[in-house]
Amino acid sequence: TAWRSSPVSSIKTWKSPVLVIHGDDDRNVRFNQTVDLASRLDKAGISYEELVFPDDVHAFLLHRNWIKANTATVNFLDKFLRLSAR
């Protein structure tokens, strides 16, 4: 069950770009899982962007990190949705 719910279990079927956002002090999802995911995305040739918040946790404690995460998400979607609309 854990494997099937993991993003890496289906990475072979991924085609779209990926935005990865993670606090490196996350106690819910180990940060090494993000490092592993990025490595697998590289190997699969899947485009991705990564935003890491040093010393922050799963739900982002700092307001400035919420702003950065939301801004990165809007920019990512704007960039790739515009590209796919061409």
N, C-alpha and C. Protein backbone atom coordinates (compact mmCIF):
# COMPACT_ATOMS: atom_id res chain seq x y z
N THR A 1 0.82 -1.19 0.00
CA THR A 1 0.00 0.00 0.00
C THR A 1 0.87 1.25 0.00
N ALA A 2 1.92 1.24 0.81
CA ALA A 2 2.80 2.41 0.86
C ALA A 2 3.44 2.67 -0.51
N TRP A 3 3.90 1.60 -1.17
CA TRP A 3 4.53 1.75 -2.47
C TRP A 3 3.54 2.30 -3.49
N ARG A 4 2.32 1.76 -3.53
CA ARG A 4 1.33 2.21 -4.51
C ARG A 4 0.93 3.66 -4.29
N SER A 5 0.98 4.15 -3.05
CA SER A 5 0.61 5.53 -2.78
C SER A 5 1.78 6.50 -2.98
N SER A 6 2.95 5.96 -3.23
CA SER A 6 4.14 6.78 -3.44
C SER A 6 4.19 7.30 -4.87
N PRO A 7 4.61 8.55 -5.07
CA PRO A 7 4.72 9.07 -6.43
C PRO A 7 5.72 8.29 -7.29
N VAL A 8 6.74 7.71 -6.69
CA VAL A 8 7.73 7.01 -7.49
C VAL A 8 7.21 5.70 -8.07
N SER A 9 6.10 5.20 -7.55
CA SER A 9 5.56 3.94 -8.07
C SER A 9 5.01 4.09 -9.49
N SER A 10 4.66 5.31 -9.87
CA SER A 10 4.08 5.53 -11.20
C SER A 10 4.87 6.51 -12.06
N ILE A 11 6.10 6.77 -11.68
CA ILE A 11 6.88 7.80 -12.37
C ILE A 11 7.09 7.47 -13.86
N LYS A 12 7.04 6.21 -14.21
CA LYS A 12 7.22 5.83 -15.62
C LYS A 12 6.09 6.36 -16.51
N THR A 13 4.96 6.69 -15.92
CA THR A 13 3.82 7.19 -16.70
C THR A 13 3.74 8.71 -16.72
N TRP A 14 4.60 9.38 -15.99
CA TRP A 14 4.56 10.84 -15.91
C TRP A 14 5.05 11.46 -17.20
N LYS A 15 4.37 12.53 -17.62
CA LYS A 15 4.77 13.25 -18.82
C LYS A 15 4.86 14.75 -18.57
N SER A 16 4.07 15.24 -17.66
CA SER A 16 3.98 16.68 -17.40
C SER A 16 5.13 17.16 -16.53
N PRO A 17 5.48 18.43 -16.64
CA PRO A 17 6.47 19.02 -15.73
C PRO A 17 5.97 18.95 -14.29
N VAL A 18 6.89 18.98 -13.35
CA VAL A 18 6.57 18.81 -11.94
C VAL A 18 7.18 19.95 -11.14
N LEU A 19 6.40 20.47 -10.19
CA LEU A 19 6.91 21.44 -9.23
C LEU A 19 7.01 20.73 -7.89
N VAL A 20 8.21 20.70 -7.33
CA VAL A 20 8.47 20.04 -6.05
C VAL A 20 8.78 21.13 -5.03
N ILE A 21 7.99 21.18 -3.96
CA ILE A 21 8.20 22.16 -2.89
C ILE A 21 8.28 21.38 -1.58
N HIS A 22 9.34 21.64 -0.79
CA HIS A 22 9.54 20.85 0.42
C HIS A 22 10.35 21.63 1.45
N GLY A 23 9.95 21.53 2.69
CA GLY A 23 10.75 22.03 3.80
C GLY A 23 11.72 20.94 4.22
N ASP A 24 12.98 21.30 4.39
CA ASP A 24 13.97 20.24 4.66
C ASP A 24 13.97 19.74 6.10
N ASP A 25 13.09 20.30 6.95
CA ASP A 25 12.93 19.79 8.31
C ASP A 25 11.55 19.15 8.47
N ASP A 26 11.00 18.67 7.37
CA ASP A 26 9.69 18.03 7.34
C ASP A 26 9.73 16.76 8.18
N ARG A 27 8.79 16.62 9.09
CA ARG A 27 8.76 15.42 9.93
C ARG A 27 7.66 14.46 9.49
N ASN A 28 6.93 14.83 8.45
CA ASN A 28 5.91 13.95 7.89
C ASN A 28 6.46 13.17 6.69
N VAL A 29 7.20 13.86 5.84
CA VAL A 29 7.79 13.26 4.64
C VAL A 29 9.29 13.56 4.70
N ARG A 30 10.07 12.54 4.76
CA ARG A 30 11.52 12.73 4.86
C ARG A 30 12.06 13.46 3.64
N PHE A 31 12.96 14.38 3.89
CA PHE A 31 13.52 15.18 2.80
C PHE A 31 14.26 14.33 1.78
N ASN A 32 14.86 13.24 2.22
CA ASN A 32 15.58 12.38 1.27
C ASN A 32 14.63 11.79 0.22
N GLN A 33 13.33 11.77 0.50
CA GLN A 33 12.37 11.30 -0.50
C GLN A 33 12.26 12.30 -1.64
N THR A 34 12.39 13.59 -1.34
CA THR A 34 12.40 14.60 -2.38
C THR A 34 13.66 14.51 -3.21
N VAL A 35 14.79 14.29 -2.55
CA VAL A 35 16.05 14.11 -3.27
C VAL A 35 15.95 12.91 -4.20
N ASP A 36 15.38 11.83 -3.70
CA ASP A 36 15.20 10.62 -4.51
C ASP A 36 14.26 10.89 -5.68
N LEU A 37 13.16 11.58 -5.42
CA LEU A 37 12.20 11.90 -6.49
C LEU A 37 12.87 12.74 -7.57
N ALA A 38 13.63 13.75 -7.18
CA ALA A 38 14.32 14.59 -8.16
C ALA A 38 15.29 13.77 -9.00
N SER A 39 15.99 12.86 -8.38
CA SER A 39 16.92 11.98 -9.11
C SER A 39 16.16 11.12 -10.12
N ARG A 40 15.03 10.60 -9.72
CA ARG A 40 14.23 9.76 -10.62
C ARG A 40 13.63 10.59 -11.76
N LEU A 41 13.24 11.82 -11.47
CA LEU A 41 12.73 12.69 -12.52
C LEU A 41 13.82 12.99 -13.53
N ASP A 42 15.03 13.25 -13.04
CA ASP A 42 16.18 13.47 -13.93
C ASP A 42 16.39 12.26 -14.85
N LYS A 43 16.43 11.09 -14.25
CA LYS A 43 16.68 9.87 -15.02
C LYS A 43 15.58 9.59 -16.04
N ALA A 44 14.35 9.98 -15.71
CA ALA A 44 13.22 9.75 -16.61
C ALA A 44 13.08 10.87 -17.66
N GLY A 45 13.91 11.90 -17.53
CA GLY A 45 13.85 13.01 -18.48
C GLY A 45 12.63 13.90 -18.31
N ILE A 46 12.09 13.92 -17.10
CA ILE A 46 10.90 14.73 -16.82
C ILE A 46 11.34 16.09 -16.28
N SER A 47 10.83 17.14 -16.89
CA SER A 47 11.15 18.50 -16.47
C SER A 47 10.56 18.77 -15.08
N TYR A 48 11.36 19.38 -14.22
CA TYR A 48 10.84 19.73 -12.90
C TYR A 48 11.55 20.96 -12.37
N GLU A 49 10.86 21.62 -11.47
CA GLU A 49 11.43 22.74 -10.73
C GLU A 49 11.31 22.39 -9.26
N GLU A 50 12.28 22.88 -8.50
CA GLU A 50 12.34 22.51 -7.09
C GLU A 50 12.50 23.75 -6.23
N LEU A 51 11.74 23.80 -5.15
CA LEU A 51 11.84 24.88 -4.18
C LEU A 51 11.97 24.25 -2.81
N VAL A 52 13.08 24.51 -2.14
CA VAL A 52 13.34 23.93 -0.82
C VAL A 52 13.41 25.04 0.21
N PHE A 53 12.73 24.82 1.33
CA PHE A 53 12.76 25.77 2.43
C PHE A 53 13.62 25.20 3.55
N PRO A 54 14.82 25.77 3.72
CA PRO A 54 15.69 25.30 4.81
C PRO A 54 15.04 25.53 6.17
N ASP A 55 15.17 24.57 7.04
CA ASP A 55 14.70 24.66 8.43
C ASP A 55 13.20 24.88 8.55
N ASP A 56 12.42 24.47 7.55
CA ASP A 56 10.97 24.56 7.68
C ASP A 56 10.37 23.17 7.59
N VAL A 57 9.13 23.05 8.05
CA VAL A 57 8.48 21.75 8.20
C VAL A 57 7.44 21.53 7.11
N HIS A 58 6.66 20.47 7.26
CA HIS A 58 5.70 20.03 6.25
C HIS A 58 4.68 21.11 5.89
N ALA A 59 4.16 21.80 6.88
CA ALA A 59 3.09 22.77 6.64
C ALA A 59 3.60 24.21 6.58
N PHE A 60 4.89 24.40 6.44
CA PHE A 60 5.52 25.71 6.38
C PHE A 60 5.08 26.61 7.55
N LEU A 61 5.99 26.86 8.44
CA LEU A 61 5.70 27.67 9.62
C LEU A 61 5.81 29.17 9.34
N LEU A 62 6.63 29.52 8.38
CA LEU A 62 6.89 30.94 8.14
C LEU A 62 6.00 31.49 7.03
N HIS A 63 5.40 32.64 7.29
CA HIS A 63 4.52 33.29 6.31
C HIS A 63 5.25 33.54 5.00
N ARG A 64 6.49 33.98 5.09
CA ARG A 64 7.24 34.27 3.86
C ARG A 64 7.40 33.02 2.98
N ASN A 65 7.47 31.85 3.60
CA ASN A 65 7.57 30.62 2.82
C ASN A 65 6.25 30.27 2.14
N TRP A 66 5.13 30.57 2.78
CA TRP A 66 3.83 30.40 2.12
C TRP A 66 3.74 31.30 0.89
N ILE A 67 4.19 32.53 1.06
CA ILE A 67 4.15 33.48 -0.07
C ILE A 67 5.03 32.96 -1.21
N LYS A 68 6.25 32.52 -0.88
CA LYS A 68 7.16 31.99 -1.90
C LYS A 68 6.58 30.75 -2.58
N ALA A 69 5.99 29.86 -1.79
CA ALA A 69 5.41 28.63 -2.36
C ALA A 69 4.24 28.95 -3.27
N ASN A 70 3.37 29.84 -2.83
CA ASN A 70 2.22 30.20 -3.66
C ASN A 70 2.64 30.93 -4.92
N THR A 71 3.61 31.83 -4.80
CA THR A 71 4.11 32.54 -5.97
C THR A 71 4.77 31.58 -6.96
N ALA A 72 5.57 30.65 -6.44
CA ALA A 72 6.22 29.66 -7.30
C ALA A 72 5.18 28.80 -8.01
N THR A 73 4.11 28.45 -7.31
CA THR A 73 3.05 27.64 -7.92
C THR A 73 2.35 28.39 -9.04
N VAL A 74 2.00 29.66 -8.79
CA VAL A 74 1.34 30.47 -9.82
C VAL A 74 2.26 30.62 -11.03
N ASN A 75 3.53 30.93 -10.79
CA ASN A 75 4.48 31.10 -11.90
C ASN A 75 4.66 29.80 -12.68
N PHE A 76 4.76 28.69 -11.97
CA PHE A 76 4.93 27.38 -12.62
C PHE A 76 3.73 27.06 -13.50
N LEU A 77 2.52 27.21 -12.93
CA LEU A 77 1.31 26.93 -13.70
C LEU A 77 1.16 27.87 -14.88
N ASP A 78 1.45 29.13 -14.66
CA ASP A 78 1.36 30.11 -15.74
C ASP A 78 2.32 29.74 -16.88
N LYS A 79 3.54 29.41 -16.51
CA LYS A 79 4.56 29.06 -17.49
C LYS A 79 4.17 27.82 -18.30
N PHE A 80 3.79 26.76 -17.62
CA PHE A 80 3.56 25.50 -18.33
C PHE A 80 2.16 25.40 -18.94
N LEU A 81 1.19 26.08 -18.38
CA LEU A 81 -0.12 26.08 -19.02
C LEU A 81 -0.11 26.93 -20.29
N ARG A 82 0.67 28.00 -20.28
CA ARG A 82 0.82 28.79 -21.49
C ARG A 82 1.53 27.99 -22.57
N LEU A 83 2.56 27.24 -22.18
CA LEU A 83 3.28 26.42 -23.16
C LEU A 83 2.38 25.34 -23.75
N SER A 84 1.55 24.74 -22.91
CA SER A 84 0.70 23.67 -23.42
C SER A 84 -0.45 24.21 -24.27
N ALA A 85 -0.77 25.49 -24.13
CA ALA A 85 -1.86 26.08 -24.91
C ALA A 85 -1.42 26.43 -26.32
N ARG A 86 -0.13 26.42 -26.57
CA ARG A 86 0.41 26.78 -27.90
C ARG A 86 0.14 25.72 -28.92
